[in-house]
Amino acid sequence: MCPALLPALLGIAFVLPRVEALICQSGTLESVVDASQLPLQWTASEATCEDGWGCLDTMIFIENGPQVYLLLIKGCTYKKDQEVQVTQHRAGPGLSIISYTKVCRREDRCNDLSTSLPFWDPRPTPVPGSVQCPVCLSEEGCDSEQKLTCPAGHTHCYKGVLQLRGVGIDTKLRVQGCMPEAACNLLNRTKEIGPLSLTENCDDAFRTCQQSAFNEIQPYLVVKPIQWNGSKNVTCV
């Protein structure tokens, strides 16, 4: 008997994986907003993927007192399918971090996350403790003197830089807030979320440097030195 006829005789149908090009939602959203603006909703553009590629959804949601950092990445990926995975890297009160990842190929536009509502849970006002910490969540710098009364049980002030890299993202997020322990471990040792790699630095996290450019051509600079001043100060890692 011809082997090719055997599945048909047994009534078995093979289900082959989809290999034609998918249309996926595509785009990147990165923002620091007031917690009062939650929940957020968004719309995305579309992209046609390479043959056999899947659709990607990745979101990182960091809540820090009155501020929230949101990073959303949508697009095409060569990685294998992954069911929805929601991970709470750090529970509130105080600093709270949640991530969402998904890779799918079942249909066009299957990476259809469109709101932060599933990750936004209004919490009752926490019992205040006795410690106050500076609070900051910024890509620019943390020059504000704003302080937050930490929830009871949060007895340490965190100060660090979280760096996120991948798929066109290279963000250094300055973070200050309340933590229950003295540790440089904001994400509980998580090193990857979806297509992103993450590193954390708490050693002299916010260095201030002078920044300027100077170009001068003159004779006898060795015997007639000149002086210059930095045009501005910048916060860097």
Protein backbone atom coordinates (compact mmCIF):
# COMPACT_ATOMS: atom_id res chain seq x y z
CA MET A 1 0.00 0.00 0.00
CA CYS A 2 1.26 3.49 -0.83
CA PRO A 3 2.29 5.20 2.44
CA ALA A 4 0.82 8.52 1.25
CA LEU A 5 -2.70 6.96 1.23
CA LEU A 6 -2.53 5.62 4.79
CA PRO A 7 -3.67 8.78 6.65
CA ALA A 8 -6.67 9.14 4.34
CA LEU A 9 -7.71 5.51 4.83
CA LEU A 10 -7.48 5.91 8.60
CA GLY A 11 -9.56 9.09 8.58
CA ILE A 12 -6.67 11.20 9.92
CA ALA A 13 -6.08 14.76 8.77
CA PHE A 14 -2.77 16.47 9.39
CA VAL A 15 -2.93 20.07 10.75
CA LEU A 16 0.03 21.92 9.35
CA PRO A 17 1.32 25.09 10.97
CA ARG A 18 0.51 28.33 9.27
CA VAL A 19 3.47 29.46 7.17
CA GLU A 20 2.05 32.32 5.10
CA ALA A 21 2.67 35.92 6.14
CA LEU A 22 0.64 37.20 9.07
CA ILE A 23 -0.61 40.74 9.55
CA CYS A 24 0.22 41.85 13.10
CA GLN A 25 -0.49 44.90 15.17
CA SER A 26 2.72 46.93 15.27
CA GLY A 27 4.05 49.84 17.28
CA THR A 28 5.79 50.98 20.45
CA LEU A 29 4.38 53.03 23.30
CA GLU A 30 6.62 54.28 26.10
CA SER A 31 5.46 56.83 28.64
CA VAL A 32 5.48 57.94 32.27
CA VAL A 33 2.00 59.09 33.32
CA ASP A 34 0.14 60.04 36.47
CA ALA A 35 -1.61 57.12 38.14
CA SER A 36 -4.80 59.18 38.00
CA GLN A 37 -4.82 58.72 34.20
CA LEU A 38 -5.24 54.94 34.48
CA PRO A 39 -6.45 52.77 32.90
CA LEU A 40 -4.95 53.59 29.47
CA GLN A 41 -6.15 52.50 26.04
CA TRP A 42 -4.33 52.57 22.70
CA THR A 43 -4.60 51.71 19.03
CA ALA A 44 -1.77 50.29 16.93
CA SER A 45 -0.75 50.34 13.30
CA GLU A 46 -0.21 47.12 11.30
CA ALA A 47 2.69 45.34 9.66
CA THR A 48 2.97 42.35 7.32
CA CYS A 49 5.44 39.85 8.76
CA GLU A 50 7.89 37.54 7.05
CA ASP A 51 6.57 34.08 6.17
CA GLY A 52 6.29 31.90 9.25
CA TRP A 53 6.78 34.72 11.76
CA GLY A 54 4.33 35.33 14.60
CA CYS A 55 2.74 38.32 16.33
CA LEU A 56 4.26 39.72 19.53
CA ASP A 57 2.76 41.57 22.49
CA THR A 58 5.01 42.67 25.38
CA MET A 59 4.10 45.13 28.11
CA ILE A 60 5.92 46.32 31.25
CA PHE A 61 3.91 48.21 33.84
CA ILE A 62 5.72 49.88 36.77
CA GLU A 63 3.68 51.69 39.42
CA ASN A 64 5.54 53.92 41.87
CA GLY A 65 3.24 55.97 44.10
CA PRO A 66 1.70 58.73 41.95
CA GLN A 67 3.59 57.70 38.78
CA VAL A 68 3.32 54.83 36.30
CA TYR A 69 5.79 53.78 33.61
CA LEU A 70 4.29 51.89 30.65
CA LEU A 71 6.26 50.21 27.87
CA LEU A 72 4.28 48.40 25.16
CA ILE A 73 5.86 46.63 22.18
CA LYS A 74 3.85 45.11 19.31
CA GLY A 75 5.13 43.61 16.10
CA CYS A 76 6.47 40.54 14.29
CA THR A 77 8.80 37.95 15.78
CA TYR A 78 10.54 34.76 14.74
CA LYS A 79 10.17 33.31 18.25
CA LYS A 80 7.92 30.32 18.90
CA ASP A 81 4.36 30.69 20.13
CA GLN A 82 3.88 31.60 23.77
CA GLU A 83 0.59 31.62 25.61
CA VAL A 84 -0.25 34.78 27.55
CA GLN A 85 2.11 35.09 30.50
CA VAL A 86 1.45 37.68 33.19
CA THR A 87 4.20 37.98 35.80
CA GLN A 88 4.12 40.07 38.96
CA HIS A 89 7.80 40.78 39.48
CA ARG A 90 7.19 42.93 42.54
CA ALA A 91 3.94 43.36 44.42
CA GLY A 92 2.78 46.66 45.90
CA PRO A 93 2.24 48.69 47.89
CA GLY A 94 5.37 50.65 47.18
CA LEU A 95 7.00 49.80 43.88
CA SER A 96 4.83 47.40 41.84
CA ILE A 97 5.98 45.76 38.57
CA ILE A 98 3.93 43.57 36.21
CA SER A 99 4.82 42.25 32.74
CA TYR A 100 2.73 40.71 29.95
CA THR A 101 4.11 38.63 27.08
CA LYS A 102 2.47 36.74 24.21
CA VAL A 103 3.51 35.28 20.83
CA CYS A 104 0.81 33.90 18.50
CA ARG A 105 0.25 32.66 14.96
CA ARG A 106 -3.37 31.51 15.02
CA GLU A 107 -4.73 34.48 13.01
CA ASP A 108 -3.98 37.96 11.77
CA ARG A 109 -3.76 40.66 14.48
CA CYS A 110 -3.80 38.09 17.28
CA ASN A 111 -1.53 40.38 19.38
CA ASP A 112 -4.59 42.41 20.29
CA LEU A 113 -3.85 43.79 23.77
CA SER A 114 -5.42 47.28 23.68
CA THR A 115 -5.76 48.44 27.28
CA SER A 116 -3.93 48.42 30.60
CA LEU A 117 -7.21 47.64 32.37
CA PRO A 118 -6.31 43.98 33.21
CA PHE A 119 -3.21 45.21 35.07
CA TRP A 120 -4.74 48.20 36.82
CA ASP A 121 -6.19 47.34 40.19
CA PRO A 122 -7.15 50.37 42.30
CA ARG A 123 -5.76 49.66 45.74
CA PRO A 124 -7.04 50.94 49.05
CA THR A 125 -4.87 53.60 50.64
CA PRO A 126 -2.07 51.67 52.39
CA VAL A 127 -1.38 52.03 56.09
CA PRO A 128 1.40 54.64 56.29
CA GLY A 129 4.69 53.74 57.91
CA SER A 130 7.33 55.91 59.53
CA VAL A 131 9.77 56.20 56.58
CA GLN A 132 9.72 58.80 53.82
CA CYS A 133 11.57 58.25 50.54
CA PRO A 134 12.22 60.39 47.47
CA VAL A 135 9.96 59.23 44.64
CA CYS A 136 10.94 59.31 40.97
CA LEU A 137 10.21 57.42 37.77
CA SER A 138 11.90 59.17 34.86
CA GLU A 139 14.00 58.74 31.73
CA GLU A 140 15.46 62.22 32.15
CA GLY A 141 16.63 62.61 35.75
CA CYS A 142 15.52 62.72 39.36
CA ASP A 143 16.05 66.29 40.53
CA SER A 144 12.74 66.65 42.35
CA GLU A 145 12.67 66.84 46.13
CA GLN A 146 9.24 65.17 46.25
CA LYS A 147 9.00 62.54 48.99
CA LEU A 148 6.50 59.79 49.59
CA THR A 149 5.45 58.36 52.95
CA CYS A 150 6.13 54.65 52.56
CA PRO A 151 3.54 51.98 53.38
CA ALA A 152 3.98 50.16 56.67
CA GLY A 153 6.65 47.47 56.30
CA HIS A 154 8.55 49.39 53.61
CA THR A 155 11.56 50.61 55.56
CA HIS A 156 14.14 51.23 52.82
CA CYS A 157 14.55 53.80 50.06
CA TYR A 158 15.43 52.39 46.65
CA LYS A 159 17.60 54.32 44.18
CA GLY A 160 18.64 52.72 40.93
CA VAL A 161 18.63 52.68 37.15
CA LEU A 162 16.76 50.03 35.19
CA GLN A 163 18.07 49.64 31.63
CA LEU A 164 15.82 48.05 29.01
CA ARG A 165 17.25 47.05 25.62
CA GLY A 166 15.89 45.34 22.52
CA VAL A 167 13.81 45.85 19.33
CA GLY A 168 14.77 49.51 19.02
CA ILE A 169 14.46 50.22 22.76
CA ASP A 170 17.40 51.50 24.81
CA THR A 171 15.93 53.12 27.91
CA LYS A 172 17.58 54.06 31.17
CA LEU A 173 14.75 54.45 33.67
CA ARG A 174 15.67 56.25 36.88
CA VAL A 175 13.74 54.83 39.82
CA GLN A 176 13.43 56.01 43.42
CA GLY A 177 10.83 54.72 45.82
CA CYS A 178 9.92 52.55 48.80
CA MET A 179 11.11 48.97 49.24
CA PRO A 180 10.69 46.42 52.04
CA GLU A 181 14.38 45.46 51.91
CA ALA A 182 17.74 47.06 51.20
CA ALA A 183 18.68 45.40 47.91
CA CYS A 184 19.46 46.20 44.30
CA ASN A 185 16.87 43.70 43.10
CA LEU A 186 13.94 45.61 41.68
CA LEU A 187 12.79 42.81 39.33
CA ASN A 188 13.58 39.81 41.55
CA ARG A 189 16.47 38.73 39.29
CA THR A 190 14.47 38.86 36.06
CA LYS A 191 16.89 39.41 33.16
CA GLU A 192 14.56 39.10 30.17
CA ILE A 193 10.96 40.06 29.42
CA GLY A 194 9.78 39.16 25.91
CA PRO A 195 12.33 40.59 23.44
CA LEU A 196 13.88 42.88 26.08
CA SER A 197 17.00 42.37 28.18
CA LEU A 198 17.15 44.12 31.56
CA THR A 199 20.02 45.26 33.74
CA GLU A 200 19.97 47.13 37.02
CA ASN A 201 22.51 49.50 38.55
CA CYS A 202 22.35 50.95 42.05
CA ASP A 203 25.99 52.04 42.46
CA ASP A 204 26.11 55.84 42.30
CA ALA A 205 23.02 55.51 40.15
CA PHE A 206 22.59 59.18 39.29
CA ARG A 207 25.91 60.75 38.39
CA THR A 208 25.96 64.41 37.36
CA CYS A 209 28.44 65.34 34.64
CA GLN A 210 29.25 68.52 32.75
CA GLN A 211 28.44 68.38 29.05
CA SER A 212 29.80 70.64 26.34
CA ALA A 213 31.81 70.74 23.13
CA PHE A 214 34.76 73.06 22.56
CA ASN A 215 36.88 73.67 19.47
CA GLU A 216 39.60 76.32 19.28
CA ILE A 217 42.56 76.85 16.96
CA GLN A 218 45.13 79.38 18.10
CA PRO A 219 48.91 79.62 18.02
CA TYR A 220 50.94 79.16 21.18
CA LEU A 221 48.25 77.34 23.22
CA VAL A 222 51.02 75.58 25.12
CA VAL A 223 52.36 78.85 26.51
CA LYS A 224 49.01 80.68 26.54
CA PRO A 225 46.46 78.22 27.97
CA ILE A 226 42.78 79.06 27.79
CA GLN A 227 39.88 78.11 30.08
CA TRP A 228 36.35 77.00 29.34
CA ASN A 229 33.21 76.03 31.26
CA GLY A 230 30.76 73.18 30.72
CA SER A 231 27.61 74.48 29.09
CA LYS A 232 25.25 72.39 31.20
CA ASN A 233 25.00 69.57 33.73
CA VAL A 234 23.42 66.24 32.75
CA THR A 235 22.34 63.23 34.78
CA CYS A 236 23.82 59.99 33.49
CA VAL A 237 24.49 56.38 34.46
